Protein backbone atom coordinates (compact mmCIF):
# COMPACT_ATOMS: atom_id res chain seq x y z
CA MET A 1 23.23 117.02 69.26
CA GLU A 2 25.44 114.26 70.54
CA LYS A 3 28.71 112.86 69.24
CA TRP A 4 28.33 109.32 67.81
CA ALA A 5 24.58 109.77 67.50
CA ILE A 6 22.74 108.94 64.29
CA TYR A 7 20.51 111.66 62.85
CA ASN A 8 18.69 112.20 59.59
CA ALA A 9 20.22 115.11 57.71
CA ASN A 10 19.27 117.00 54.56
CA LEU A 11 22.53 117.00 52.63
CA GLY A 12 21.04 118.99 49.77
CA GLU A 13 21.63 118.30 46.13
CA GLY A 14 24.87 116.48 45.43
CA ILE A 15 27.24 116.80 42.50
CA ASP A 16 28.46 113.66 40.72
CA HIS A 17 28.90 110.92 43.36
CA GLU A 18 28.31 113.04 46.48
CA GLN A 19 25.72 111.78 48.92
CA SER A 20 22.64 113.97 48.82
CA TYR A 21 19.14 114.65 50.07
CA ASN A 22 17.77 113.17 53.30
CA ARG A 23 19.74 110.32 54.81
CA PRO A 24 20.99 109.05 58.15
CA CYS A 25 24.40 110.31 59.26
CA ILE A 26 26.70 109.69 62.21
CA ALA A 27 27.80 112.84 64.07
CA LEU A 28 31.58 112.55 64.58
CA MET A 29 32.07 116.04 66.05
CA VAL A 30 29.56 118.62 67.21
CA ASP A 31 30.35 122.31 67.85
CA ASP A 32 27.16 123.95 69.10
CA SER A 33 28.86 127.36 69.35
CA LEU A 34 29.47 127.31 65.59
CA GLY A 35 26.35 125.36 64.68
CA ILE A 36 28.48 122.82 62.80
CA CYS A 37 28.89 119.08 62.95
CA VAL A 38 31.26 116.76 61.15
CA GLU A 39 29.26 113.82 59.89
CA VAL A 40 29.58 110.70 57.84
CA PRO A 41 26.56 109.52 55.85
CA LEU A 42 25.07 106.03 55.78
CA THR A 43 23.48 104.09 52.96
CA SER A 44 21.31 100.99 53.01
CA ASN A 45 22.76 99.98 49.62
CA LEU A 46 24.98 97.06 50.65
CA ASP A 47 26.70 97.13 47.24
CA ALA A 48 28.56 100.21 48.55
CA LEU A 49 30.85 97.84 50.48
CA ARG A 50 32.74 97.32 47.22
CA PHE A 51 34.25 100.79 47.70
CA SER A 52 37.26 101.35 49.91
CA ASN A 53 36.73 103.31 53.13
CA THR A 54 33.34 101.82 53.87
CA ILE A 55 32.23 99.83 56.93
CA SER A 56 29.24 97.62 57.55
CA LEU A 57 27.06 98.82 60.45
CA PRO A 58 24.64 96.08 61.51
CA ALA A 59 21.32 97.24 62.93
CA ASP A 60 21.15 96.82 66.71
CA PRO A 61 19.07 98.08 69.66
CA GLU A 62 21.47 100.99 70.30
CA ASN A 63 21.72 102.46 66.80
CA LYS A 64 18.04 101.70 66.08
CA LEU A 65 18.67 101.35 62.35
CA ARG A 66 15.99 99.40 60.50
CA SER A 67 18.54 97.37 58.54
CA GLU A 68 22.26 96.90 58.05
CA SER A 69 23.80 100.10 56.71
CA ILE A 70 27.12 101.08 55.19
CA VAL A 71 29.20 103.87 56.72
CA LEU A 72 30.58 105.93 53.83
CA LEU A 73 33.75 107.23 55.46
CA PHE A 74 35.02 108.73 52.21
CA HIS A 75 32.03 111.12 52.28
CA ILE A 76 32.98 112.71 55.63
CA ARG A 77 32.05 116.40 55.71
CA SER A 78 31.02 119.35 57.85
CA ILE A 79 27.43 120.49 57.77
CA SER A 80 25.33 123.09 59.54
CA THR A 81 23.36 121.68 62.45
CA GLY A 82 20.40 123.31 60.69
CA ARG A 83 20.55 120.42 58.20
CA ILE A 84 19.59 117.94 60.95
CA ILE A 85 16.02 116.67 60.61
CA GLY A 86 14.09 115.61 63.68
CA LYS A 87 15.37 113.82 66.73
CA GLN A 88 18.23 111.44 67.27
CA ILE A 89 17.64 107.99 65.77
CA GLY A 90 20.12 106.07 67.91
CA ILE A 91 23.78 105.91 68.88
CA VAL A 92 26.78 103.93 67.64
CA ASN A 93 28.04 101.40 70.20
CA GLU A 94 31.61 101.37 71.50
CA GLN A 95 32.81 98.49 69.31
CA GLN A 96 31.45 100.19 66.18
CA ARG A 97 33.01 103.53 67.25
CA GLU A 98 36.45 101.95 67.52
CA LYS A 99 36.10 100.38 64.08
CA ILE A 100 35.08 103.75 62.58
CA LYS A 101 37.94 105.59 64.32
CA GLU A 102 40.53 103.04 63.16
CA ASN A 103 39.29 103.19 59.57
CA LEU A 104 39.29 107.02 59.64
CA ARG A 105 42.91 106.97 60.87
CA LEU A 106 43.88 104.67 58.02
CA MET A 107 41.95 106.63 55.41
CA LEU A 108 43.41 109.98 56.53
CA ASN A 109 46.87 108.52 57.18
CA LEU A 110 46.91 109.77 60.78
């Protein structure tokens, strides 16, 4: 796995408003020795932009998304790398990475 790569992950069954089931996620940190990655899920539901701590991620040749997606920063979590399905979809470009990092800093008050 690669940091800043987009993968499909099986997030399992969610409770209440948790993201669940199979969906694309951005790997923010990967620890192969532990078999863990910190990820943030994506949604194609553009209405999710109404929530705070979300970012629009336009589809581009690097991330290889089929359509604009919303990064759901408030759903950041650690998952087992065993939840990753298939191969890497694409990778987040440098400009998008900086936007995600800045929004994470604000959200977590770092």
